[in-house]
Protein backbone atom coordinates (compact mmCIF):
# COMPACT_ATOMS: atom_id res chain seq x y z
CA UNK A 1 0.00 0.00 0.00
CA UNK A 2 2.83 2.44 0.84
CA UNK A 3 4.54 1.46 -2.39
CA UNK A 4 1.46 2.50 -4.41
CA UNK A 5 1.05 5.77 -2.49
CA UNK A 6 4.68 6.73 -3.07
CA UNK A 7 4.29 6.05 -6.80
CA UNK A 8 1.18 8.24 -6.87
CA UNK A 9 3.12 11.00 -5.12
CA UNK A 10 5.91 10.79 -7.72
CA UNK A 11 3.34 11.08 -10.52
CA UNK A 12 1.70 14.12 -8.92
CA UNK A 13 5.06 15.79 -8.40
CA UNK A 14 6.02 15.18 -12.04
CA UNK A 15 2.72 16.62 -13.27
CA UNK A 16 3.41 19.75 -11.23
CA UNK A 17 6.84 20.17 -12.83
CA UNK A 18 9.05 18.56 -10.18
CA UNK A 19 12.08 17.11 -11.95
CA UNK A 20 14.15 15.65 -9.13
CA UNK A 21 14.28 12.04 -8.03
CA UNK A 22 12.32 11.36 -4.85
CA UNK A 23 14.23 9.51 -2.12
CA UNK A 24 12.79 7.45 0.72
CA UNK A 25 14.97 6.79 3.73
CA UNK A 26 13.89 4.03 6.10
CA UNK A 27 15.56 3.86 9.48
CA UNK A 28 16.05 0.52 11.16
CA UNK A 29 16.79 0.19 14.85
CA UNK A 30 18.64 -3.11 14.74
CA UNK A 31 21.67 -3.81 12.63
CA UNK A 32 21.55 -7.14 10.79
CA UNK A 33 23.64 -9.96 12.15
CA UNK A 34 26.76 -10.67 10.12
CA UNK A 35 25.57 -14.17 9.27
CA UNK A 36 21.98 -13.09 8.51
CA UNK A 37 21.72 -10.40 5.82
CA UNK A 38 18.15 -9.28 5.13
CA UNK A 39 17.15 -9.00 1.48
CA UNK A 40 16.05 -5.40 1.02
CA UNK A 41 15.90 -5.76 -2.77
CA UNK A 42 12.15 -6.46 -2.64
CA UNK A 43 11.31 -3.45 -0.43
CA UNK A 44 9.21 -0.82 -2.29
CA UNK A 45 9.67 -2.49 -5.68
CA UNK A 46 7.34 -0.21 -7.67
CA UNK A 47 8.61 3.01 -6.12
CA UNK A 48 12.21 1.98 -6.75
CA UNK A 49 11.55 2.20 -10.51
CA UNK A 50 10.96 5.94 -10.08
CA UNK A 51 12.82 6.83 -6.89
CA UNK A 52 15.63 5.88 -4.54
CA UNK A 53 15.32 3.76 -1.40
CA UNK A 54 17.86 3.89 1.42
CA UNK A 55 17.89 1.75 4.55
CA UNK A 56 19.92 3.31 7.36
CA UNK A 57 20.76 2.43 10.93
CA UNK A 58 20.02 4.88 13.75
CA UNK A 59 23.62 6.14 13.62
CA UNK A 60 23.13 7.14 9.97
CA UNK A 61 25.12 4.28 8.45
CA UNK A 62 23.57 3.23 5.12
CA UNK A 63 23.11 -0.54 5.01
CA UNK A 64 21.19 -0.62 1.73
CA UNK A 65 20.81 1.79 -1.16
CA UNK A 66 18.86 1.06 -4.31
CA UNK A 67 20.13 2.62 -7.48
CA UNK A 68 19.80 1.72 -11.12
CA UNK A 69 21.59 -1.55 -10.35
CA UNK A 70 19.89 -2.40 -7.02
CA UNK A 71 23.23 -2.43 -5.19
CA UNK A 72 23.23 -3.60 -1.60
CA UNK A 73 25.82 -1.91 0.63
PDB file of N, CA and C in Angstrom:
ATOM      1  N   UNK A   1       0.817  -1.179   0.000  1.00  0.00           N
ATOM      2  CA  UNK A   1       0.000   0.000   0.000  1.00  0.00           C
ATOM      3  C   UNK A   1       0.876   1.264   0.000  1.00  0.00           C
ATOM      4  N   UNK A   2       1.926   1.281   0.814  1.00  0.00           N
ATOM      5  CA  UNK A   2       2.827   2.436   0.843  1.00  0.00           C
ATOM      6  C   UNK A   2       3.517   2.584  -0.501  1.00  0.00           C
ATOM      7  N   UNK A   3       3.879   1.453  -1.090  1.00  0.00           N
ATOM      8  CA  UNK A   3       4.537   1.463  -2.395  1.00  0.00           C
ATOM      9  C   UNK A   3       3.670   2.191  -3.425  1.00  0.00           C
ATOM     10  N   UNK A   4       2.390   1.851  -3.470  1.00  0.00           N
ATOM     11  CA  UNK A   4       1.464   2.497  -4.414  1.00  0.00           C
ATOM     12  C   UNK A   4       1.315   3.989  -4.128  1.00  0.00           C
ATOM     13  N   UNK A   5       1.213   4.347  -2.867  1.00  0.00           N
ATOM     14  CA  UNK A   5       1.050   5.769  -2.493  1.00  0.00           C
ATOM     15  C   UNK A   5       2.283   6.578  -2.879  1.00  0.00           C
ATOM     16  N   UNK A   6       3.461   6.021  -2.680  1.00  0.00           N
ATOM     17  CA  UNK A   6       4.680   6.735  -3.068  1.00  0.00           C
ATOM     18  C   UNK A   6       4.741   6.928  -4.583  1.00  0.00           C
ATOM     19  N   UNK A   7       4.317   5.925  -5.331  1.00  0.00           N
ATOM     20  CA  UNK A   7       4.285   6.053  -6.798  1.00  0.00           C
ATOM     21  C   UNK A   7       3.302   7.134  -7.229  1.00  0.00           C
ATOM     22  N   UNK A   8       2.155   7.195  -6.564  1.00  0.00           N
ATOM     23  CA  UNK A   8       1.181   8.242  -6.868  1.00  0.00           C
ATOM     24  C   UNK A   8       1.757   9.622  -6.557  1.00  0.00           C
ATOM     25  N   UNK A   9       2.487   9.731  -5.468  1.00  0.00           N
ATOM     26  CA  UNK A   9       3.121  11.001  -5.121  1.00  0.00           C
ATOM     27  C   UNK A   9       4.124  11.423  -6.188  1.00  0.00           C
ATOM     28  N   UNK A  10       4.931  10.482  -6.662  1.00  0.00           N
ATOM     29  CA  UNK A  10       5.906  10.790  -7.716  1.00  0.00           C
ATOM     30  C   UNK A  10       5.190  11.299  -8.962  1.00  0.00           C
ATOM     31  N   UNK A  11       4.103  10.652  -9.339  1.00  0.00           N
ATOM     32  CA  UNK A  11       3.344  11.078 -10.519  1.00  0.00           C
ATOM     33  C   UNK A  11       2.774  12.482 -10.344  1.00  0.00           C
ATOM     34  N   UNK A  12       2.230  12.774  -9.173  1.00  0.00           N
ATOM     35  CA  UNK A  12       1.696  14.117  -8.924  1.00  0.00           C
ATOM     36  C   UNK A  12       2.791  15.169  -8.962  1.00  0.00           C
ATOM     37  N   UNK A  13       3.932  14.846  -8.375  1.00  0.00           N
ATOM     38  CA  UNK A  13       5.056  15.787  -8.401  1.00  0.00           C
ATOM     39  C   UNK A  13       5.516  16.049  -9.824  1.00  0.00           C
ATOM     40  N   UNK A  14       5.597  15.012 -10.636  1.00  0.00           N
ATOM     41  CA  UNK A  14       6.017  15.185 -12.038  1.00  0.00           C
ATOM     42  C   UNK A  14       5.029  16.044 -12.809  1.00  0.00           C
ATOM     43  N   UNK A  15       3.741  15.818 -12.589  1.00  0.00           N
ATOM     44  CA  UNK A  15       2.724  16.622 -13.271  1.00  0.00           C
ATOM     45  C   UNK A  15       2.814  18.093 -12.887  1.00  0.00           C
ATOM     46  N   UNK A  16       3.291  18.360 -11.680  1.00  0.00           N
ATOM     47  CA  UNK A  16       3.407  19.753 -11.231  1.00  0.00           C
ATOM     48  C   UNK A  16       4.741  20.384 -11.630  1.00  0.00           C
ATOM     49  N   UNK A  17       5.590  19.618 -12.345  1.00  0.00           N
ATOM     50  CA  UNK A  17       6.844  20.172 -12.829  1.00  0.00           C
ATOM     51  C   UNK A  17       8.075  19.771 -12.041  1.00  0.00           C
ATOM     52  N   UNK A  18       7.905  19.008 -10.992  1.00  0.00           N
ATOM     53  CA  UNK A  18       9.045  18.561 -10.179  1.00  0.00           C
ATOM     54  C   UNK A  18       9.907  17.625 -11.007  1.00  0.00           C
ATOM     55  N   UNK A  19      11.206  17.894 -11.079  1.00  0.00           N
ATOM     56  CA  UNK A  19      12.077  17.111 -11.953  1.00  0.00           C
ATOM     57  C   UNK A  19      13.155  16.327 -11.216  1.00  0.00           C
ATOM     58  N   UNK A  20      13.142  16.367  -9.896  1.00  0.00           N
ATOM     59  CA  UNK A  20      14.153  15.649  -9.129  1.00  0.00           C
ATOM     60  C   UNK A  20      13.685  14.235  -8.815  1.00  0.00           C
ATOM     61  N   UNK A  21      14.605  13.409  -8.394  1.00  0.00           N
ATOM     62  CA  UNK A  21      14.283  12.038  -8.027  1.00  0.00           C
ATOM     63  C   UNK A  21      13.929  11.994  -6.542  1.00  0.00           C
ATOM     64  N   UNK A  22      12.769  11.460  -6.230  1.00  0.00           N
ATOM     65  CA  UNK A  22      12.319  11.364  -4.852  1.00  0.00           C
ATOM     66  C   UNK A  22      13.081  10.249  -4.144  1.00  0.00           C
ATOM     67  N   UNK A  23      13.505  10.498  -2.914  1.00  0.00           N
ATOM     68  CA  UNK A  23      14.226   9.512  -2.116  1.00  0.00           C
ATOM     69  C   UNK A  23      13.427   9.189  -0.864  1.00  0.00           C
ATOM     70  N   UNK A  24      13.412   7.897  -0.522  1.00  0.00           N
ATOM     71  CA  UNK A  24      12.794   7.446   0.719  1.00  0.00           C
ATOM     72  C   UNK A  24      13.902   6.842   1.569  1.00  0.00           C
ATOM     73  N   UNK A  25      13.974   7.319   2.803  1.00  0.00           N
ATOM     74  CA  UNK A  25      14.966   6.785   3.733  1.00  0.00           C
ATOM     75  C   UNK A  25      14.220   6.100   4.859  1.00  0.00           C
ATOM     76  N   UNK A  26      14.524   4.833   5.065  1.00  0.00           N
ATOM     77  CA  UNK A  26      13.890   4.034   6.096  1.00  0.00           C
ATOM     78  C   UNK A  26      14.926   3.739   7.164  1.00  0.00           C
ATOM     79  N   UNK A  27      14.605   4.076   8.398  1.00  0.00           N
ATOM     80  CA  UNK A  27      15.559   3.860   9.477  1.00  0.00           C
ATOM     81  C   UNK A  27      15.222   2.590  10.233  1.00  0.00           C
ATOM     82  N   UNK A  28      16.229   1.751  10.413  1.00  0.00           N
ATOM     83  CA  UNK A  28      16.054   0.523  11.163  1.00  0.00           C
ATOM     84  C   UNK A  28      16.771   0.666  12.499  1.00  0.00           C
ATOM     85  N   UNK A  29      16.234   0.054  13.508  1.00  0.00           N
ATOM     86  CA  UNK A  29      16.787   0.192  14.847  1.00  0.00           C
ATOM     87  C   UNK A  29      17.717  -0.945  15.238  1.00  0.00           C
ATOM     88  N   UNK A  30      17.749  -1.985  14.456  1.00  0.00           N
ATOM     89  CA  UNK A  30      18.638  -3.106  14.740  1.00  0.00           C
ATOM     90  C   UNK A  30      19.502  -3.366  13.527  1.00  0.00           C
ATOM     91  N   UNK A  31      20.792  -3.484  13.749  1.00  0.00           N
ATOM     92  CA  UNK A  31      21.668  -3.812  12.634  1.00  0.00           C
ATOM     93  C   UNK A  31      21.578  -5.310  12.380  1.00  0.00           C
ATOM     94  N   UNK A  32      21.643  -5.704  11.109  1.00  0.00           N
ATOM     95  CA  UNK A  32      21.546  -7.135  10.792  1.00  0.00           C
ATOM     96  C   UNK A  32      22.770  -7.881  11.319  1.00  0.00           C
ATOM     97  N   UNK A  33      22.543  -9.104  11.721  1.00  0.00           N
ATOM     98  CA  UNK A  33      23.643  -9.959  12.154  1.00  0.00           C
ATOM     99  C   UNK A  33      24.535 -10.255  10.962  1.00  0.00           C
ATOM    100  N   UNK A  34      25.816 -10.420  11.208  1.00  0.00           N
ATOM    101  CA  UNK A  34      26.761 -10.675  10.117  1.00  0.00           C
ATOM    102  C   UNK A  34      26.396 -11.914   9.307  1.00  0.00           C
ATOM    103  N   UNK A  35      25.884 -12.932   9.976  1.00  0.00           N
ATOM    104  CA  UNK A  35      25.568 -14.168   9.268  1.00  0.00           C
ATOM    105  C   UNK A  35      24.164 -14.162   8.671  1.00  0.00           C
ATOM    106  N   UNK A  36      23.335 -13.176   9.033  1.00  0.00           N
ATOM    107  CA  UNK A  36      21.975 -13.088   8.506  1.00  0.00           C
ATOM    108  C   UNK A  36      21.797 -11.709   7.869  1.00  0.00           C
ATOM    109  N   UNK A  37      21.883 -11.665   6.559  1.00  0.00           N
ATOM    110  CA  UNK A  37      21.717 -10.401   5.823  1.00  0.00           C
ATOM    111  C   UNK A  37      20.303 -10.353   5.250  1.00  0.00           C
ATOM    112  N   UNK A  38      19.499  -9.394   5.699  1.00  0.00           N
ATOM    113  CA  UNK A  38      18.150  -9.278   5.129  1.00  0.00           C
ATOM    114  C   UNK A  38      18.216  -8.882   3.655  1.00  0.00           C
ATOM    115  N   UNK A  39      17.231  -9.329   2.904  1.00  0.00           N
ATOM    116  CA  UNK A  39      17.153  -8.998   1.479  1.00  0.00           C
ATOM    117  C   UNK A  39      16.231  -7.801   1.307  1.00  0.00           C
ATOM    118  N   UNK A  40      16.832  -6.619   1.190  1.00  0.00           N
ATOM    119  CA  UNK A  40      16.052  -5.398   1.019  1.00  0.00           C
ATOM    120  C   UNK A  40      15.682  -5.152  -0.439  1.00  0.00           C
ATOM    121  N   UNK A  41      16.112  -5.996  -1.346  1.00  0.00           N
ATOM    122  CA  UNK A  41      15.899  -5.761  -2.771  1.00  0.00           C
ATOM    123  C   UNK A  41      14.423  -5.825  -3.170  1.00  0.00           C
ATOM    124  N   UNK A  42      13.570  -6.361  -2.317  1.00  0.00           N
ATOM    125  CA  UNK A  42      12.145  -6.457  -2.637  1.00  0.00           C
ATOM    126  C   UNK A  42      11.322  -5.387  -1.929  1.00  0.00           C
ATOM    127  N   UNK A  43      11.980  -4.505  -1.189  1.00  0.00           N
ATOM    128  CA  UNK A  43      11.307  -3.454  -0.432  1.00  0.00           C
ATOM    129  C   UNK A  43      10.961  -2.294  -1.360  1.00  0.00           C
ATOM    130  N   UNK A  44       9.698  -1.917  -1.447  1.00  0.00           N
ATOM    131  CA  UNK A  44       9.207  -0.818  -2.291  1.00  0.00           C
ATOM    132  C   UNK A  44       9.604  -1.002  -3.761  1.00  0.00           C
ATOM    133  N   UNK A  45       9.278  -2.151  -4.301  1.00  0.00           N
ATOM    134  CA  UNK A  45       9.666  -2.494  -5.680  1.00  0.00           C
ATOM    135  C   UNK A  45       9.159  -1.507  -6.721  1.00  0.00           C
ATOM    136  N   UNK A  46       7.894  -1.126  -6.652  1.00  0.00           N
ATOM    137  CA  UNK A  46       7.335  -0.211  -7.666  1.00  0.00           C
ATOM    138  C   UNK A  46       7.965   1.170  -7.556  1.00  0.00           C
ATOM    139  N   UNK A  47       8.054   1.679  -6.320  1.00  0.00           N
ATOM    140  CA  UNK A  47       8.611   3.013  -6.118  1.00  0.00           C
ATOM    141  C   UNK A  47      10.053   3.069  -6.595  1.00  0.00           C
ATOM    142  N   UNK A  48      10.793   2.019  -6.384  1.00  0.00           N
ATOM    143  CA  UNK A  48      12.206   1.977  -6.754  1.00  0.00           C
ATOM    144  C   UNK A  48      12.429   2.231  -8.243  1.00  0.00           C
ATOM    145  N   UNK A  49      11.436   1.936  -9.076  1.00  0.00           N
ATOM    146  CA  UNK A  49      11.553   2.199 -10.514  1.00  0.00           C
ATOM    147  C   UNK A  49      11.590   3.703 -10.799  1.00  0.00           C
ATOM    148  N   UNK A  50      11.051   4.498  -9.876  1.00  0.00           N
ATOM    149  CA  UNK A  50      10.964   5.943 -10.081  1.00  0.00           C
ATOM    150  C   UNK A  50      11.773   6.743  -9.069  1.00  0.00           C
ATOM    151  N   UNK A  51      12.147   6.121  -7.959  1.00  0.00           N
ATOM    152  CA  UNK A  51      12.825   6.831  -6.888  1.00  0.00           C
ATOM    153  C   UNK A  51      13.960   6.016  -6.303  1.00  0.00           C
ATOM    154  N   UNK A  52      14.490   6.500  -5.210  1.00  0.00           N
ATOM    155  CA  UNK A  52      15.625   5.878  -4.540  1.00  0.00           C
ATOM    156  C   UNK A  52      15.206   5.456  -3.145  1.00  0.00           C
ATOM    157  N   UNK A  53      15.630   4.270  -2.732  1.00  0.00           N
ATOM    158  CA  UNK A  53      15.321   3.756  -1.403  1.00  0.00           C
ATOM    159  C   UNK A  53      16.628   3.540  -0.654  1.00  0.00           C
ATOM    160  N   UNK A  54      16.696   4.105   0.552  1.00  0.00           N
ATOM    161  CA  UNK A  54      17.856   3.895   1.418  1.00  0.00           C
ATOM    162  C   UNK A  54      17.386   3.304   2.734  1.00  0.00           C
ATOM    163  N   UNK A  55      18.123   2.316   3.229  1.00  0.00           N
ATOM    164  CA  UNK A  55      17.887   1.750   4.548  1.00  0.00           C
ATOM    165  C   UNK A  55      19.092   2.155   5.390  1.00  0.00           C
ATOM    166  N   UNK A  56      18.832   2.830   6.508  1.00  0.00           N
ATOM    167  CA  UNK A  56      19.921   3.309   7.355  1.00  0.00           C
ATOM    168  C   UNK A  56      19.710   2.845   8.797  1.00  0.00           C
ATOM    169  N   UNK A  57      20.822   2.727   9.507  1.00  0.00           N
ATOM    170  CA  UNK A  57      20.758   2.434  10.932  1.00  0.00           C
ATOM    171  C   UNK A  57      20.563   3.744  11.680  1.00  0.00           C
ATOM    172  N   UNK A  58      20.271   3.674  12.966  1.00  0.00           N
ATOM    173  CA  UNK A  58      20.020   4.878  13.745  1.00  0.00           C
ATOM    174  C   UNK A  58      21.219   5.813  13.791  1.00  0.00           C
ATOM    175  N   UNK A  59      22.425   5.283  13.606  1.00  0.00           N
ATOM    176  CA  UNK A  59      23.621   6.136  13.616  1.00  0.00           C
ATOM    177  C   UNK A  59      23.869   6.795  12.263  1.00  0.00           C
ATOM    178  N   UNK A  60      22.996   6.534  11.285  1.00  0.00           N
ATOM    179  CA  UNK A  60      23.126   7.141   9.966  1.00  0.00           C
ATOM    180  C   UNK A  60      23.865   6.288   8.952  1.00  0.00           C
ATOM    181  N   UNK A  61      24.400   5.150   9.373  1.00  0.00           N
ATOM    182  CA  UNK A  61      25.125   4.278   8.445  1.00  0.00           C
ATOM    183  C   UNK A  61      24.155   3.635   7.457  1.00  0.00           C
ATOM    184  N   UNK A  62      24.424   3.805   6.173  1.00  0.00           N
ATOM    185  CA  UNK A  62      23.572   3.233   5.125  1.00  0.00           C
ATOM    186  C   UNK A  62      23.902   1.754   4.991  1.00  0.00           C
ATOM    187  N   UNK A  63      22.886   0.898   5.159  1.00  0.00           N
ATOM    188  CA  UNK A  63      23.115  -0.536   5.006  1.00  0.00           C
ATOM    189  C   UNK A  63      22.534  -1.067   3.696  1.00  0.00           C
ATOM    190  N   UNK A  64      21.716  -0.251   3.048  1.00  0.00           N
ATOM    191  CA  UNK A  64      21.188  -0.621   1.731  1.00  0.00           C
ATOM    192  C   UNK A  64      20.845   0.647   0.978  1.00  0.00           C
ATOM    193  N   UNK A  65      21.176   0.673  -0.300  1.00  0.00           N
ATOM    194  CA  UNK A  65      20.807   1.790  -1.163  1.00  0.00           C
ATOM    195  C   UNK A  65      20.464   1.240  -2.531  1.00  0.00           C
ATOM    196  N   UNK A  66      19.238   1.485  -2.968  1.00  0.00           N
ATOM    197  CA  UNK A  66      18.859   1.056  -4.309  1.00  0.00           C
ATOM    198  C   UNK A  66      19.318   2.133  -5.284  1.00  0.00           C
ATOM    199  N   UNK A  67      19.808   1.700  -6.389  1.00  0.00           N
ATOM    200  CA  UNK A  67      20.126   2.621  -7.480  1.00  0.00           C
ATOM    201  C   UNK A  67      19.711   1.913  -8.745  1.00  0.00           C
ATOM    202  N   UNK A  68      20.187   2.350  -9.868  1.00  0.00           N
ATOM    203  CA  UNK A  68      19.800   1.715 -11.122  1.00  0.00           C
ATOM    204  C   UNK A  68      20.158   0.227 -11.163  1.00  0.00           C
ATOM    205  N   UNK A  69      21.120  -0.172 -10.326  1.00  0.00           N
ATOM    206  CA  UNK A  69      21.585  -1.550 -10.346  1.00  0.00           C
ATOM    207  C   UNK A  69      21.107  -2.339  -9.129  1.00  0.00           C
ATOM    208  N   UNK A  70      20.378  -1.704  -8.210  1.00  0.00           N
ATOM    209  CA  UNK A  70      19.891  -2.401  -7.017  1.00  0.00           C
ATOM    210  C   UNK A  70      21.014  -2.859  -6.119  1.00  0.00           C
ATOM    211  N   UNK A  71      22.037  -2.054  -5.950  1.00  0.00           N
ATOM    212  CA  UNK A  71      23.225  -2.432  -5.194  1.00  0.00           C
ATOM    213  C   UNK A  71      22.914  -2.457  -3.708  1.00  0.00           C
ATOM    214  N   UNK A  72      23.351  -3.513  -3.050  1.00  0.00           N
ATOM    215  CA  UNK A  72      23.228  -3.596  -1.597  1.00  0.00           C
ATOM    216  C   UNK A  72      24.574  -3.271  -1.000  1.00  0.00           C
ATOM    217  N   UNK A  73      24.584  -2.349  -0.019  1.00  0.00           N
ATOM    218  CA  UNK A  73      25.824  -1.909   0.625  1.00  0.00           C
ATOM    219  C   UNK A  73      26.157  -2.853   1.743  1.00  0.00           C
TER     220      UNK A  73
END
